[in-house]
Amino acid sequence: MKISSKYIWDYDTEKLDLTNRVVLRWYLSRMVNCGQWNNIDARLLKENIDELDINPTLKIMLNTYYADKKSKNCS
């Protein structure tokens, strides 16, 4: 996943280690909260959605979206 520095003004994005789960979840939370969806890896978002610090309603909506998408792929 390409790191976007547009909404990461308070850290050096070249030093962010997205292999670290804590850093990855922080980064995904920041991107979702800022509305920067085009740089988010959907697979990573789906895997980490329950641990992200985002609006609870948005979290429910995303979980519903991925559950619905999964059920349509199985048909």
PDB file of N, CA and C in Angstrom:
ATOM      1  N   MET A   1       0.848  -1.169   0.000  1.00  0.00           N
ATOM      2  CA  MET A   1       0.000   0.000   0.000  1.00  0.00           C
ATOM      3  C   MET A   1       0.896   1.234   0.000  1.00  0.00           C
ATOM      4  N   LYS A   2       0.583   2.158  -0.877  1.00  0.00           N
ATOM      5  CA  LYS A   2       1.344   3.398  -0.962  1.00  0.00           C
ATOM      6  C   LYS A   2       0.927   4.329   0.179  1.00  0.00           C
ATOM      7  N   ILE A   3       1.907   4.842   0.890  1.00  0.00           N
ATOM      8  CA  ILE A   3       1.635   5.755   2.002  1.00  0.00           C
ATOM      9  C   ILE A   3       1.401   7.158   1.470  1.00  0.00           C
ATOM     10  N   SER A   4       0.306   7.748   1.870  1.00  0.00           N
ATOM     11  CA  SER A   4      -0.016   9.116   1.491  1.00  0.00           C
ATOM     12  C   SER A   4       0.384  10.052   2.628  1.00  0.00           C
ATOM     13  N   SER A   5       1.082  11.104   2.300  1.00  0.00           N
ATOM     14  CA  SER A   5       1.500  12.060   3.329  1.00  0.00           C
ATOM     15  C   SER A   5       0.535  13.237   3.456  1.00  0.00           C
ATOM     16  N   LYS A   6      -0.510  13.252   2.647  1.00  0.00           N
ATOM     17  CA  LYS A   6      -1.441  14.383   2.644  1.00  0.00           C
ATOM     18  C   LYS A   6      -2.082  14.610   4.017  1.00  0.00           C
ATOM     19  N   TYR A   7      -2.456  13.542   4.698  1.00  0.00           N
ATOM     20  CA  TYR A   7      -3.114  13.672   5.995  1.00  0.00           C
ATOM     21  C   TYR A   7      -2.227  13.230   7.157  1.00  0.00           C
ATOM     22  N   ILE A   8      -0.970  12.986   6.875  1.00  0.00           N
ATOM     23  CA  ILE A   8      -0.019  12.597   7.916  1.00  0.00           C
ATOM     24  C   ILE A   8       0.993  13.730   8.047  1.00  0.00           C
ATOM     25  N   TRP A   9       0.554  14.828   8.585  1.00  0.00           N
ATOM     26  CA  TRP A   9       1.400  16.011   8.704  1.00  0.00           C
ATOM     27  C   TRP A   9       2.306  15.961   9.930  1.00  0.00           C
ATOM     28  N   ASP A  10       1.980  15.097  10.883  1.00  0.00           N
ATOM     29  CA  ASP A  10       2.677  15.097  12.157  1.00  0.00           C
ATOM     30  C   ASP A  10       3.720  13.991  12.293  1.00  0.00           C
ATOM     31  N   TYR A  11       3.940  13.215  11.224  1.00  0.00           N
ATOM     32  CA  TYR A  11       4.947  12.145  11.244  1.00  0.00           C
ATOM     33  C   TYR A  11       5.701  12.124   9.924  1.00  0.00           C
ATOM     34  N   ASP A  12       6.899  11.619   9.958  1.00  0.00           N
ATOM     35  CA  ASP A  12       7.688  11.429   8.751  1.00  0.00           C
ATOM     36  C   ASP A  12       7.181  10.154   8.079  1.00  0.00           C
ATOM     37  N   THR A  13       6.465  10.291   6.977  1.00  0.00           N
ATOM     38  CA  THR A  13       5.850   9.129   6.340  1.00  0.00           C
ATOM     39  C   THR A  13       6.881   8.144   5.789  1.00  0.00           C
ATOM     40  N   GLU A  14       8.077   8.596   5.532  1.00  0.00           N
ATOM     41  CA  GLU A  14       9.110   7.686   5.036  1.00  0.00           C
ATOM     42  C   GLU A  14       9.583   6.721   6.114  1.00  0.00           C
ATOM     43  N   LYS A  15       9.301   7.035   7.364  1.00  0.00           N
ATOM     44  CA  LYS A  15       9.724   6.172   8.470  1.00  0.00           C
ATOM     45  C   LYS A  15       8.595   5.318   9.039  1.00  0.00           C
ATOM     46  N   LEU A  16       7.394   5.432   8.460  1.00  0.00           N
ATOM     47  CA  LEU A  16       6.278   4.624   8.946  1.00  0.00           C
ATOM     48  C   LEU A  16       6.483   3.175   8.539  1.00  0.00           C
ATOM     49  N   ASP A  17       6.370   2.273   9.497  1.00  0.00           N
ATOM     50  CA  ASP A  17       6.547   0.845   9.263  1.00  0.00           C
ATOM     51  C   ASP A  17       5.177   0.172   9.293  1.00  0.00           C
ATOM     52  N   LEU A  18       4.581   0.007   8.116  1.00  0.00           N
ATOM     53  CA  LEU A  18       3.244  -0.571   8.049  1.00  0.00           C
ATOM     54  C   LEU A  18       3.234  -2.078   8.282  1.00  0.00           C
ATOM     55  N   THR A  19       4.405  -2.678   8.470  1.00  0.00           N
ATOM     56  CA  THR A  19       4.435  -4.090   8.859  1.00  0.00           C
ATOM     57  C   THR A  19       4.150  -4.237  10.351  1.00  0.00           C
ATOM     58  N   ASN A  20       4.290  -3.142  11.093  1.00  0.00           N
ATOM     59  CA  ASN A  20       3.941  -3.112  12.510  1.00  0.00           C
ATOM     60  C   ASN A  20       2.426  -2.917  12.599  1.00  0.00           C
ATOM     61  N   ARG A  21       1.717  -3.867  13.196  1.00  0.00           N
ATOM     62  CA  ARG A  21       0.250  -3.837  13.247  1.00  0.00           C
ATOM     63  C   ARG A  21      -0.305  -2.572  13.906  1.00  0.00           C
ATOM     64  N   VAL A  22       0.356  -2.086  14.937  1.00  0.00           N
ATOM     65  CA  VAL A  22      -0.113  -0.876  15.616  1.00  0.00           C
ATOM     66  C   VAL A  22      -0.019   0.323  14.677  1.00  0.00           C
ATOM     67  N   VAL A  23       1.083   0.438  13.979  1.00  0.00           N
ATOM     68  CA  VAL A  23       1.281   1.542  13.034  1.00  0.00           C
ATOM     69  C   VAL A  23       0.288   1.417  11.877  1.00  0.00           C
ATOM     70  N   LEU A  24       0.109   0.208  11.368  1.00  0.00           N
ATOM     71  CA  LEU A  24      -0.830  -0.014  10.268  1.00  0.00           C
ATOM     72  C   LEU A  24      -2.241   0.394  10.669  1.00  0.00           C
ATOM     73  N   ARG A  25      -2.674  -0.015  11.833  1.00  0.00           N
ATOM     74  CA  ARG A  25      -4.030   0.323  12.283  1.00  0.00           C
ATOM     75  C   ARG A  25      -4.187   1.822  12.514  1.00  0.00           C
ATOM     76  N   TRP A  26      -3.142   2.451  13.033  1.00  0.00           N
ATOM     77  CA  TRP A  26      -3.178   3.910  13.204  1.00  0.00           C
ATOM     78  C   TRP A  26      -3.302   4.578  11.839  1.00  0.00           C
ATOM     79  N   TYR A  27      -2.501   4.133  10.870  1.00  0.00           N
ATOM     80  CA  TYR A  27      -2.510   4.716   9.532  1.00  0.00           C
ATOM     81  C   TYR A  27      -3.870   4.518   8.855  1.00  0.00           C
ATOM     82  N   LEU A  28      -4.410   3.313   8.923  1.00  0.00           N
ATOM     83  CA  LEU A  28      -5.718   3.059   8.323  1.00  0.00           C
ATOM     84  C   LEU A  28      -6.800   3.919   8.974  1.00  0.00           C
ATOM     85  N   SER A  29      -6.738   4.043  10.286  1.00  0.00           N
ATOM     86  CA  SER A  29      -7.713   4.895  10.999  1.00  0.00           C
ATOM     87  C   SER A  29      -7.622   6.333  10.520  1.00  0.00           C
ATOM     88  N   ARG A  30      -6.419   6.840  10.396  1.00  0.00           N
ATOM     89  CA  ARG A  30      -6.222   8.222   9.951  1.00  0.00           C
ATOM     90  C   ARG A  30      -6.769   8.414   8.544  1.00  0.00           C
ATOM     91  N   MET A  31      -6.492   7.470   7.657  1.00  0.00           N
ATOM     92  CA  MET A  31      -6.957   7.588   6.278  1.00  0.00           C
ATOM     93  C   MET A  31      -8.484   7.518   6.187  1.00  0.00           C
ATOM     94  N   VAL A  32      -9.099   6.613   6.940  1.00  0.00           N
ATOM     95  CA  VAL A  32     -10.555   6.510   6.932  1.00  0.00           C
ATOM     96  C   VAL A  32     -11.172   7.779   7.527  1.00  0.00           C
ATOM     97  N   ASN A  33     -10.651   8.231   8.646  1.00  0.00           N
ATOM     98  CA  ASN A  33     -11.202   9.426   9.298  1.00  0.00           C
ATOM     99  C   ASN A  33     -11.055  10.683   8.452  1.00  0.00           C
ATOM    100  N   CYS A  34     -10.019  10.746   7.631  1.00  0.00           N
ATOM    101  CA  CYS A  34      -9.795  11.922   6.780  1.00  0.00           C
ATOM    102  C   CYS A  34     -10.466  11.788   5.423  1.00  0.00           C
ATOM    103  N   GLY A  35     -11.030  10.628   5.140  1.00  0.00           N
ATOM    104  CA  GLY A  35     -11.720  10.436   3.873  1.00  0.00           C
ATOM    105  C   GLY A  35     -10.805  10.152   2.705  1.00  0.00           C
ATOM    106  N   GLN A  36      -9.607   9.712   2.971  1.00  0.00           N
ATOM    107  CA  GLN A  36      -8.636   9.411   1.920  1.00  0.00           C
ATOM    108  C   GLN A  36      -8.729   7.928   1.558  1.00  0.00           C
ATOM    109  N   TRP A  37      -9.767   7.552   0.830  1.00  0.00           N
ATOM    110  CA  TRP A  37     -10.057   6.152   0.550  1.00  0.00           C
ATOM    111  C   TRP A  37      -9.246   5.568  -0.590  1.00  0.00           C
ATOM    112  N   ASN A  38      -8.809   6.388  -1.536  1.00  0.00           N
ATOM    113  CA  ASN A  38      -8.167   5.841  -2.731  1.00  0.00           C
ATOM    114  C   ASN A  38      -6.788   5.239  -2.481  1.00  0.00           C
ATOM    115  N   ASN A  39      -6.163   5.489  -1.359  1.00  0.00           N
ATOM    116  CA  ASN A  39      -4.861   4.899  -1.052  1.00  0.00           C
ATOM    117  C   ASN A  39      -4.957   3.739  -0.060  1.00  0.00           C
ATOM    118  N   ILE A  40      -6.159   3.331   0.276  1.00  0.00           N
ATOM    119  CA  ILE A  40      -6.335   2.267   1.263  1.00  0.00           C
ATOM    120  C   ILE A  40      -6.448   0.922   0.551  1.00  0.00           C
ATOM    121  N   ASP A  41      -5.689  -0.038   1.032  1.00  0.00           N
ATOM    122  CA  ASP A  41      -5.774  -1.407   0.536  1.00  0.00           C
ATOM    123  C   ASP A  41      -7.018  -2.037   1.165  1.00  0.00           C
ATOM    124  N   ALA A  42      -8.006  -2.390   0.345  1.00  0.00           N
ATOM    125  CA  ALA A  42      -9.283  -2.905   0.839  1.00  0.00           C
ATOM    126  C   ALA A  42      -9.106  -4.169   1.677  1.00  0.00           C
ATOM    127  N   ARG A  43      -8.180  -5.023   1.289  1.00  0.00           N
ATOM    128  CA  ARG A  43      -7.946  -6.263   2.046  1.00  0.00           C
ATOM    129  C   ARG A  43      -7.457  -5.944   3.455  1.00  0.00           C
ATOM    130  N   LEU A  44      -6.524  -4.998   3.562  1.00  0.00           N
ATOM    131  CA  LEU A  44      -6.011  -4.608   4.883  1.00  0.00           C
ATOM    132  C   LEU A  44      -7.092  -3.937   5.720  1.00  0.00           C
ATOM    133  N   LEU A  45      -7.897  -3.118   5.078  1.00  0.00           N
ATOM    134  CA  LEU A  45      -8.985  -2.464   5.794  1.00  0.00           C
ATOM    135  C   LEU A  45      -9.963  -3.508   6.344  1.00  0.00           C
ATOM    136  N   LYS A  46     -10.327  -4.459   5.509  1.00  0.00           N
ATOM    137  CA  LYS A  46     -11.260  -5.507   5.923  1.00  0.00           C
ATOM    138  C   LYS A  46     -10.696  -6.330   7.082  1.00  0.00           C
ATOM    139  N   GLU A  47      -9.414  -6.667   7.023  1.00  0.00           N
ATOM    140  CA  GLU A  47      -8.777  -7.470   8.062  1.00  0.00           C
ATOM    141  C   GLU A  47      -8.664  -6.740   9.396  1.00  0.00           C
ATOM    142  N   ASN A  48      -8.586  -5.420   9.358  1.00  0.00           N
ATOM    143  CA  ASN A  48      -8.312  -4.643  10.569  1.00  0.00           C
ATOM    144  C   ASN A  48      -9.469  -3.777  11.037  1.00  0.00           C
ATOM    145  N   ILE A  49     -10.591  -3.820  10.363  1.00  0.00           N
ATOM    146  CA  ILE A  49     -11.683  -2.882  10.627  1.00  0.00           C
ATOM    147  C   ILE A  49     -12.122  -2.864  12.089  1.00  0.00           C
ATOM    148  N   ASP A  50     -12.187  -4.015  12.742  1.00  0.00           N
ATOM    149  CA  ASP A  50     -12.673  -4.061  14.115  1.00  0.00           C
ATOM    150  C   ASP A  50     -11.726  -3.403  15.112  1.00  0.00           C
ATOM    151  N   GLU A  51     -10.462  -3.254  14.755  1.00  0.00           N
ATOM    152  CA  GLU A  51      -9.476  -2.657  15.657  1.00  0.00           C
ATOM    153  C   GLU A  51      -9.195  -1.186  15.358  1.00  0.00           C
ATOM    154  N   LEU A  52      -9.841  -0.638  14.346  1.00  0.00           N
ATOM    155  CA  LEU A  52      -9.563   0.750  13.976  1.00  0.00           C
ATOM    156  C   LEU A  52     -10.285   1.737  14.889  1.00  0.00           C
ATOM    157  N   ASP A  53      -9.654   2.876  15.092  1.00  0.00           N
ATOM    158  CA  ASP A  53     -10.225   3.959  15.893  1.00  0.00           C
ATOM    159  C   ASP A  53     -10.972   4.896  14.946  1.00  0.00           C
ATOM    160  N   ILE A  54     -12.187   4.457  14.564  1.00  0.00           N
ATOM    161  CA  ILE A  54     -13.018   5.243  13.658  1.00  0.00           C
ATOM    162  C   ILE A  54     -14.426   5.323  14.230  1.00  0.00           C
ATOM    163  N   ASN A  55     -15.239   6.153  13.622  1.00  0.00           N
ATOM    164  CA  ASN A  55     -16.620   6.325  14.048  1.00  0.00           C
ATOM    165  C   ASN A  55     -17.316   4.965  14.090  1.00  0.00           C
ATOM    166  N   PRO A  56     -17.962   4.629  15.207  1.00  0.00           N
ATOM    167  CA  PRO A  56     -18.618   3.320  15.339  1.00  0.00           C
ATOM    168  C   PRO A  56     -19.661   3.051  14.261  1.00  0.00           C
ATOM    169  N   THR A  57     -20.392   4.058  13.841  1.00  0.00           N
ATOM    170  CA  THR A  57     -21.390   3.875  12.791  1.00  0.00           C
ATOM    171  C   THR A  57     -20.723   3.529  11.468  1.00  0.00           C
ATOM    172  N   LEU A  58     -19.617   4.186  11.178  1.00  0.00           N
ATOM    173  CA  LEU A  58     -18.870   3.881   9.961  1.00  0.00           C
ATOM    174  C   LEU A  58     -18.306   2.468  10.015  1.00  0.00           C
ATOM    175  N   LYS A  59     -17.857   2.059  11.182  1.00  0.00           N
ATOM    176  CA  LYS A  59     -17.329   0.704  11.356  1.00  0.00           C
ATOM    177  C   LYS A  59     -18.425  -0.327  11.061  1.00  0.00           C
ATOM    178  N   ILE A  60     -19.635  -0.095  11.560  1.00  0.00           N
ATOM    179  CA  ILE A  60     -20.761  -0.991  11.294  1.00  0.00           C
ATOM    180  C   ILE A  60     -21.069  -1.017   9.797  1.00  0.00           C
ATOM    181  N   MET A  61     -21.086   0.152   9.183  1.00  0.00           N
ATOM    182  CA  MET A  61     -21.369   0.226   7.749  1.00  0.00           C
ATOM    183  C   MET A  61     -20.329  -0.543   6.934  1.00  0.00           C
ATOM    184  N   LEU A  62     -19.060  -0.399   7.277  1.00  0.00           N
ATOM    185  CA  LEU A  62     -18.005  -1.104   6.549  1.00  0.00           C
ATOM    186  C   LEU A  62     -18.098  -2.612   6.761  1.00  0.00           C
ATOM    187  N   ASN A  63     -18.358  -3.041   7.981  1.00  0.00           N
ATOM    188  CA  ASN A  63     -18.527  -4.469   8.246  1.00  0.00           C
ATOM    189  C   ASN A  63     -19.720  -5.026   7.464  1.00  0.00           C
ATOM    190  N   THR A  64     -20.798  -4.278   7.398  1.00  0.00           N
ATOM    191  CA  THR A  64     -21.978  -4.696   6.639  1.00  0.00           C
ATOM    192  C   THR A  64     -21.647  -4.762   5.150  1.00  0.00           C
ATOM    193  N   TYR A  65     -20.933  -3.778   4.666  1.00  0.00           N
ATOM    194  CA  TYR A  65     -20.532  -3.753   3.253  1.00  0.00           C
ATOM    195  C   TYR A  65     -19.703  -4.983   2.906  1.00  0.00           C
ATOM    196  N   TYR A  66     -18.694  -5.281   3.707  1.00  0.00           N
ATOM    197  CA  TYR A  66     -17.838  -6.433   3.418  1.00  0.00           C
ATOM    198  C   TYR A  66     -18.584  -7.753   3.582  1.00  0.00           C
ATOM    199  N   ALA A  67     -19.492  -7.836   4.550  1.00  0.00           N
ATOM    200  CA  ALA A  67     -20.284  -9.052   4.729  1.00  0.00           C
ATOM    201  C   ALA A  67     -21.207  -9.258   3.533  1.00  0.00           C
ATOM    202  N   ASP A  68     -21.828  -8.178   3.071  1.00  0.00           N
ATOM    203  CA  ASP A  68     -22.722  -8.251   1.923  1.00  0.00           C
ATOM    204  C   ASP A  68     -21.946  -8.619   0.657  1.00  0.00           C
ATOM    205  N   LYS A  69     -20.782  -8.028   0.495  1.00  0.00           N
ATOM    206  CA  LYS A  69     -19.945  -8.303  -0.667  1.00  0.00           C
ATOM    207  C   LYS A  69     -19.516  -9.772  -0.670  1.00  0.00           C
ATOM    208  N   LYS A  70     -19.168 -10.299   0.499  1.00  0.00           N
ATOM    209  CA  LYS A  70     -18.760 -11.696   0.628  1.00  0.00           C
ATOM    210  C   LYS A  70     -19.911 -12.632   0.266  1.00  0.00           C
ATOM    211  N   SER A  71     -21.110 -12.330   0.768  1.00  0.00           N
ATOM    212  CA  SER A  71     -22.251 -13.197   0.492  1.00  0.00           C
ATOM    213  C   SER A  71     -22.633 -13.179  -0.994  1.00  0.00           C
ATOM    214  N   LYS A  72     -22.458 -12.055  -1.662  1.00  0.00           N
ATOM    215  CA  LYS A  72     -22.755 -11.979  -3.087  1.00  0.00           C
ATOM    216  C   LYS A  72     -21.702 -12.726  -3.909  1.00  0.00           C
ATOM    217  N   ASN A  73     -20.464 -12.771  -3.431  1.00  0.00           N
ATOM    218  CA  ASN A  73     -19.418 -13.510  -4.128  1.00  0.00           C
ATOM    219  C   ASN A  73     -19.591 -15.010  -3.995  1.00  0.00           C
ATOM    220  N   CYS A  74     -20.251 -15.450  -2.938  1.00  0.00           N
ATOM    221  CA  CYS A  74     -20.439 -16.887  -2.707  1.00  0.00           C
ATOM    222  C   CYS A  74     -21.598 -17.453  -3.508  1.00  0.00           C
ATOM    223  N   SER A  75     -22.459 -16.602  -4.004  1.00  0.00           N
ATOM    224  CA  SER A  75     -23.652 -17.072  -4.745  1.00  0.00           C
ATOM    225  C   SER A  75     -23.289 -17.550  -6.119  1.00  0.00           C
TER     226      SER A  75
END
